[in-house]
């Protein structure tokens, strides 16, 4: 190995002392001496350099094997990623199906509650109207009976006291007062009935409004991204309705 460095030093010396070529950066060196020194360098190089050259000559095979291994690893990673994506998509579809099923159940429950509330309200309205009508008819009949009784008593009294004009006038006045009072009572009952029915219908209208808002929120939630929290208005059927 020492001879290699010695020959290189001699080559450097020859180049440094060589005669320059005018107008260029080149120089004239003795070819025989240089070739002899180069042969000495070649002969003095250790065998390990030849082995290293063999490795360099086979580097393409090594690189090809490494690239094949990398491609195989990339294919496996790609397959694993596709399996992960498929699993995530299936899970998302399952969550979406559950959300839709829950929304359908909420809508069905809201619809059933609304129908039940409508039926109950209609039945209560009809019952109250029936009672009010019966009470009104009873009051009218009572007033009519009282009127007829007063008229009958007035006529009887008039026949008995035909000469007493003040008594007859008082009887007629009393009979008219009773009839007017019966009519006033009937009108008052009708007004109270209308006010009660109006208040019940207002409460029922509010209940239907809250039911429609609940259904609307359920539909809006279905259009939300998957995994979003499902929010809807809590309410109990008939919870705010007066008994």
Protein backbone atom coordinates (compact mmCIF):
# COMPACT_ATOMS: atom_id res chain seq x y z
CA UNK A 1 0.00 0.00 0.00
CA UNK A 2 3.00 2.26 0.62
CA UNK A 3 3.97 1.94 -3.04
CA UNK A 4 0.60 3.40 -4.05
CA UNK A 5 1.21 6.62 -2.16
CA UNK A 6 4.82 6.78 -3.37
CA UNK A 7 3.73 6.39 -7.00
CA UNK A 8 1.03 9.05 -6.59
CA UNK A 9 3.58 11.46 -5.13
CA UNK A 10 5.85 10.86 -8.11
CA UNK A 11 2.93 11.47 -10.50
CA UNK A 12 2.19 14.77 -8.75
CA UNK A 13 5.82 15.79 -9.02
CA UNK A 14 5.94 14.95 -12.75
CA UNK A 15 2.76 17.01 -13.37
CA UNK A 16 4.04 19.96 -11.34
CA UNK A 17 7.42 19.99 -13.11
CA UNK A 18 6.01 19.34 -16.57
CA UNK A 19 6.53 21.92 -19.29
CA UNK A 20 3.47 24.07 -19.88
CA UNK A 21 1.75 24.35 -23.26
CA UNK A 22 1.64 28.02 -24.33
CA UNK A 23 -1.77 29.76 -24.29
CA UNK A 24 -3.40 26.78 -22.43
CA UNK A 25 -3.59 25.32 -18.95
CA UNK A 26 -2.22 21.97 -20.15
CA UNK A 27 1.28 20.58 -19.86
CA UNK A 28 3.59 18.03 -21.53
CA UNK A 29 4.42 14.97 -19.43
CA UNK A 30 6.58 11.95 -20.25
CA UNK A 31 4.10 9.26 -21.25
CA UNK A 32 6.31 6.30 -20.44
CA UNK A 33 7.07 7.46 -16.90
CA UNK A 34 3.42 8.19 -16.19
CA UNK A 35 2.24 4.84 -17.55
CA UNK A 36 4.90 3.02 -15.55
CA UNK A 37 3.81 4.77 -12.37
CA UNK A 38 0.17 3.98 -13.12
CA UNK A 39 1.06 0.29 -13.55
CA UNK A 40 2.83 0.41 -10.21
CA UNK A 41 -0.30 1.91 -8.62
CA UNK A 42 -2.53 -0.74 -10.19
CA UNK A 43 -0.28 -3.54 -8.98
CA UNK A 44 -0.05 -2.08 -5.51
CA UNK A 45 -3.81 -1.71 -4.98
CA UNK A 46 -5.12 -4.28 -2.44
CA UNK A 47 -7.55 -7.06 -3.39
CA UNK A 48 -10.28 -5.43 -1.25
CA UNK A 49 -10.69 -2.69 -3.83
CA UNK A 50 -11.47 -5.32 -6.47
CA UNK A 51 -14.07 -6.81 -4.11
CA UNK A 52 -15.53 -3.37 -3.61
CA UNK A 53 -15.73 -2.95 -7.37
CA UNK A 54 -17.59 -6.25 -7.60
CA UNK A 55 -20.09 -4.95 -5.06
CA UNK A 56 -20.54 -1.80 -7.13
CA UNK A 57 -21.04 -3.93 -10.22
CA UNK A 58 -23.86 -5.84 -8.48
CA UNK A 59 -25.49 -2.80 -6.91
CA UNK A 60 -28.24 -2.82 -9.54
CA UNK A 61 -29.33 -6.27 -8.37
CA UNK A 62 -29.33 -5.11 -4.75
CA UNK A 63 -31.34 -2.02 -5.63
CA UNK A 64 -33.83 -4.09 -7.65
CA UNK A 65 -34.34 -6.47 -4.74
CA UNK A 66 -34.82 -3.53 -2.36
CA UNK A 67 -37.34 -1.92 -4.74
CA UNK A 68 -39.25 -5.22 -5.07
CA UNK A 69 -39.38 -5.55 -1.29
CA UNK A 70 -40.57 -1.93 -0.96
CA UNK A 71 -43.26 -2.50 -3.61
CA UNK A 72 -44.45 -5.60 -1.80
CA UNK A 73 -44.59 -3.71 1.49
CA UNK A 74 -46.48 -0.85 -0.20
CA UNK A 75 -48.99 -3.30 -1.69
CA UNK A 76 -49.60 -4.81 1.74
CA UNK A 77 -50.03 -1.34 3.26
CA UNK A 78 -52.45 -0.37 0.49
CA UNK A 79 -54.52 -3.53 1.07
CA UNK A 80 -54.60 -2.86 4.80
CA UNK A 81 -55.69 0.74 4.18
CA UNK A 82 -58.49 -0.43 1.86
CA UNK A 83 -59.70 -2.91 4.49
CA UNK A 84 -59.65 -0.13 7.11
CA UNK A 85 -61.62 2.22 4.83
CA UNK A 86 -64.18 -0.51 4.06
CA UNK A 87 -64.61 -1.26 7.75
CA UNK A 88 -65.04 2.45 8.56
CA UNK A 89 -67.59 2.87 5.73
CA UNK A 90 -69.59 -0.14 6.95
CA UNK A 91 -69.58 1.22 10.51
CA UNK A 92 -70.69 4.67 9.27
CA UNK A 93 -73.54 3.13 7.26
CA UNK A 94 -74.63 1.15 10.33
CA UNK A 95 -74.63 4.30 12.48
CA UNK A 96 -76.62 6.16 9.82
CA UNK A 97 -79.16 3.33 9.61
CA UNK A 98 -79.57 3.37 13.40
CA UNK A 99 -80.03 7.16 13.37
CA UNK A 100 -82.70 6.88 10.66
CA UNK A 101 -84.47 4.12 12.57
CA UNK A 102 -84.44 6.22 15.73
CA UNK A 103 -85.78 9.24 13.80
CA UNK A 104 -88.57 7.12 12.31
CA UNK A 105 -89.51 5.89 15.78
CA UNK A 106 -89.56 9.46 17.12
CA UNK A 107 -91.72 10.65 14.21
CA UNK A 108 -94.11 7.72 14.66
CA UNK A 109 -94.34 8.38 18.39
CA UNK A 110 -94.93 12.09 17.82
CA UNK A 111 -97.61 11.35 15.22
CA UNK A 112 -99.34 8.85 17.52
CA UNK A 113 -99.20 11.31 20.42
CA UNK A 114 -100.59 14.10 18.24
CA UNK A 115 -103.43 11.90 17.00
CA UNK A 116 -104.21 10.81 20.53
CA UNK A 117 -104.17 14.43 21.70
CA UNK A 118 -106.45 15.48 18.83
CA UNK A 119 -108.87 12.65 19.64
CA UNK A 120 -108.84 13.49 23.35
CA UNK A 121 -109.34 17.21 22.67
CA UNK A 122 -112.17 16.57 20.24
CA UNK A 123 -113.88 14.22 22.70
CA UNK A 124 -113.51 16.71 25.57
CA UNK A 125 -114.77 19.50 23.32
CA UNK A 126 -117.79 17.49 22.26
CA UNK A 127 -118.49 16.42 25.86
CA UNK A 128 -118.28 19.97 27.12
CA UNK A 129 -120.39 21.31 24.25
CA UNK A 130 -122.95 18.59 25.01
CA UNK A 131 -123.03 19.45 28.71
CA UNK A 132 -123.23 23.16 27.96
CA UNK A 133 -126.02 22.58 25.47
CA UNK A 134 -127.89 20.40 27.93
CA UNK A 135 -127.45 22.97 30.66
CA UNK A 136 -128.58 25.73 28.31
CA UNK A 137 -131.61 23.73 27.23
CA UNK A 138 -132.41 22.97 30.86
CA UNK A 139 -132.17 26.65 31.78
CA UNK A 140 -134.32 27.64 28.81
CA UNK A 141 -136.88 24.98 29.67
CA UNK A 142 -136.82 26.04 33.30
CA UNK A 143 -137.29 29.67 32.25
CA UNK A 144 -140.08 28.74 29.88
CA UNK A 145 -141.76 26.62 32.57
CA UNK A 146 -141.38 29.43 35.06
CA UNK A 147 -142.73 31.85 32.49
CA UNK A 148 -145.69 29.66 31.69
CA UNK A 149 -146.29 29.06 35.37
CA UNK A 150 -146.10 32.77 36.03
CA UNK A 151 -148.40 33.49 33.14
CA UNK A 152 -150.79 30.85 34.35
CA UNK A 153 -150.65 32.18 37.87
CA UNK A 154 -150.98 35.71 36.53
CA UNK A 155 -154.00 34.80 34.51
CA UNK A 156 -155.51 33.01 37.43
CA UNK A 157 -154.76 35.95 39.61
CA UNK A 158 -156.03 38.28 36.91
CA UNK A 159 -159.29 36.34 36.71
CA UNK A 160 -159.57 36.40 40.47
CA UNK A 161 -158.57 40.01 40.83
CA UNK A 162 -159.79 41.39 37.52
CA UNK A 163 -160.55 44.67 39.14
CA UNK A 164 -157.07 45.03 40.69
CA UNK A 165 -154.89 46.49 37.90
CA UNK A 166 -151.76 46.88 40.06
CA UNK A 167 -151.68 43.17 40.96
CA UNK A 168 -151.98 42.15 37.31
CA UNK A 169 -149.20 44.54 36.33
CA UNK A 170 -146.93 43.20 39.08
CA UNK A 171 -147.52 39.61 37.95
CA UNK A 172 -146.68 40.47 34.35
CA UNK A 173 -143.57 42.31 35.45
CA UNK A 174 -142.40 39.37 37.58
CA UNK A 175 -143.07 36.91 34.75
CA UNK A 176 -141.07 39.06 32.32
CA UNK A 177 -138.24 39.38 34.83
CA UNK A 178 -138.05 35.60 35.23
CA UNK A 179 -137.98 35.07 31.47
CA UNK A 180 -135.28 37.75 31.04
CA UNK A 181 -133.20 36.20 33.81
CA UNK A 182 -133.49 32.76 32.19
CA UNK A 183 -132.38 34.19 28.85
CA UNK A 184 -129.47 36.03 30.52
CA UNK A 185 -128.38 32.83 32.29
CA UNK A 186 -128.51 30.96 29.00
CA UNK A 187 -126.36 33.60 27.25
CA UNK A 188 -123.86 33.61 30.14
CA UNK A 189 -123.50 29.83 29.96
CA UNK A 190 -122.96 30.01 26.21
CA UNK A 191 -120.25 32.68 26.67
CA UNK A 192 -118.49 30.63 29.36
CA UNK A 193 -118.66 27.56 27.15
CA UNK A 194 -117.19 29.44 24.17
CA UNK A 195 -114.37 30.87 26.34
CA UNK A 196 -113.51 27.42 27.73
CA UNK A 197 -113.54 25.79 24.29
CA UNK A 198 -111.36 28.62 22.90
CA UNK A 199 -108.78 28.17 25.69
CA UNK A 200 -108.66 24.39 25.14
CA UNK A 201 -108.21 24.86 21.38
CA UNK A 202 -105.37 27.37 22.03
CA UNK A 203 -103.60 24.84 24.26
CA UNK A 204 -104.10 22.15 21.64
CA UNK A 205 -102.71 24.49 18.95
CA UNK A 206 -99.58 25.08 21.10
CA UNK A 207 -99.18 21.32 21.59
CA UNK A 208 -99.41 20.69 17.86
CA UNK A 209 -96.83 23.45 17.26
CA UNK A 210 -94.33 21.85 19.64
CA UNK A 211 -94.98 18.46 18.03
CA UNK A 212 -94.25 19.86 14.56
CA UNK A 213 -91.04 21.51 15.85
CA UNK A 214 -89.93 18.16 17.30
CA UNK A 215 -90.55 16.42 13.95
CA UNK A 216 -88.69 19.22 12.15
CA UNK A 217 -85.67 18.87 14.42
CA UNK A 218 -85.67 15.11 13.81
CA UNK A 219 -85.66 15.64 10.04
CA UNK A 220 -82.92 18.26 10.30
CA UNK A 221 -80.80 15.87 12.39
CA UNK A 222 -81.06 13.26 9.63
CA UNK A 223 -79.38 15.71 7.26
CA UNK A 224 -76.54 16.37 9.72
CA UNK A 225 -73.09 14.71 9.33
CA UNK A 226 -72.75 11.17 10.65
CA UNK A 227 -71.93 11.07 14.38
CA UNK A 228 -73.53 14.30 15.18
CA UNK A 229 -75.46 14.33 18.46
CA UNK A 230 -79.17 13.83 18.05
CA UNK A 231 -81.13 16.54 19.82
CA UNK A 232 -84.92 16.81 20.07
CA UNK A 233 -87.41 18.67 22.28
CA UNK A 234 -88.50 16.70 25.33
CA UNK A 235 -92.22 16.95 26.04
CA UNK A 236 -94.94 14.79 27.59
CA UNK A 237 -98.33 14.33 25.91
CA UNK A 238 -100.92 16.54 27.58
CA UNK A 239 -98.32 17.79 30.11
CA UNK A 240 -99.34 21.46 29.69
CA UNK A 241 -103.07 20.82 29.11
CA UNK A 242 -105.52 21.98 31.75
CA UNK A 243 -107.61 19.23 33.31
